[in-house]
Amino acid sequence: MSVARQSVLIGIAICLVLMLIASFGVIPAIIGALFQEVVDTVTILWALRARIDKTEVTSISSGNGKKHPAKA
């Protein structure tokens, strides 16, 4: 849940900054739309961190080579 909260807050913060910039006419609308797609992608990628299996990362870093089944 903490990763989900982080990704939502990051998305909101970036959107607010971009909306403030766009409201002063610094960037054209098409560039603003492209930036929004970048924000969405960053937020989704950040949220995907929650799918990392901590036990798998630990076993890989310790070098024992065991593979753990993926969580559903």
Protein backbone atom coordinates (compact mmCIF):
# COMPACT_ATOMS: atom_id res chain seq x y z
CA MET A 1 0.00 0.00 0.00
CA SER A 2 2.86 2.41 0.65
CA VAL A 3 4.08 2.03 -2.94
CA ALA A 4 0.54 2.74 -4.18
CA ARG A 5 0.33 5.88 -2.04
CA GLN A 6 3.75 7.00 -3.26
CA SER A 7 2.81 6.54 -6.91
CA VAL A 8 -0.44 8.47 -6.48
CA LEU A 9 1.31 11.34 -4.69
CA ILE A 10 4.09 11.46 -7.28
CA GLY A 11 1.53 11.56 -10.09
CA ILE A 12 -0.47 14.31 -8.42
CA ALA A 13 2.62 16.39 -7.65
CA ILE A 14 3.96 16.19 -11.19
CA CYS A 15 0.52 16.98 -12.64
CA LEU A 16 0.14 20.03 -10.40
CA VAL A 17 3.51 21.39 -11.46
CA LEU A 18 2.75 20.83 -15.13
CA MET A 19 -0.72 22.39 -14.81
CA LEU A 20 0.77 25.49 -13.20
CA ILE A 21 3.30 25.78 -16.01
CA ALA A 22 0.62 25.24 -18.66
CA SER A 23 -1.75 27.75 -17.07
CA PHE A 24 0.76 30.53 -17.73
CA GLY A 25 0.99 29.54 -21.39
CA VAL A 26 4.62 28.51 -21.19
CA ILE A 27 4.00 25.28 -23.09
CA PRO A 28 1.54 24.59 -25.91
CA ALA A 29 -1.39 22.23 -25.34
CA ILE A 30 0.08 19.41 -27.42
CA ILE A 31 3.28 19.42 -25.36
CA GLY A 32 1.15 19.42 -22.20
CA ALA A 33 -0.69 16.35 -23.49
CA LEU A 34 2.61 14.59 -24.16
CA PHE A 35 3.84 15.48 -20.68
CA GLN A 36 0.65 13.99 -19.23
CA GLU A 37 1.43 10.70 -20.97
CA VAL A 38 4.91 10.77 -19.46
CA VAL A 39 3.43 11.41 -16.01
CA ASP A 40 1.04 8.47 -16.43
CA THR A 41 3.88 6.19 -17.50
CA VAL A 42 6.11 7.23 -14.60
CA THR A 43 3.27 6.70 -12.13
CA ILE A 44 2.49 3.24 -13.50
CA LEU A 45 6.15 2.21 -13.49
CA TRP A 46 6.51 3.43 -9.90
CA ALA A 47 3.43 1.43 -8.88
CA LEU A 48 4.86 -1.72 -10.50
CA ARG A 49 7.53 -1.74 -7.80
CA ALA A 50 4.87 -3.30 -5.56
CA ARG A 51 4.97 -6.45 -7.71
CA ILE A 52 8.59 -7.23 -6.80
CA ASP A 53 8.82 -10.38 -4.72
CA LYS A 54 11.07 -9.43 -1.79
CA THR A 55 12.10 -13.04 -1.13
CA GLU A 56 13.19 -13.49 -4.74
CA VAL A 57 15.28 -10.33 -4.64
CA THR A 58 16.89 -11.49 -1.38
CA SER A 59 17.69 -14.96 -2.73
CA ILE A 60 19.15 -13.58 -5.95
CA SER A 61 21.33 -11.10 -4.08
CA SER A 62 22.51 -13.78 -1.63
CA GLY A 63 23.50 -16.00 -4.54
CA ASN A 64 21.78 -19.22 -3.45
CA GLY A 65 20.06 -19.52 -6.84
CA LYS A 66 16.73 -20.73 -5.49
CA LYS A 67 13.73 -19.61 -7.45
CA HIS A 68 10.58 -18.78 -5.58
CA PRO A 69 7.19 -19.16 -7.24
CA ALA A 70 5.63 -15.92 -8.38
CA LYS A 71 2.85 -14.58 -6.23
CA ALA A 72 -0.56 -14.47 -7.85
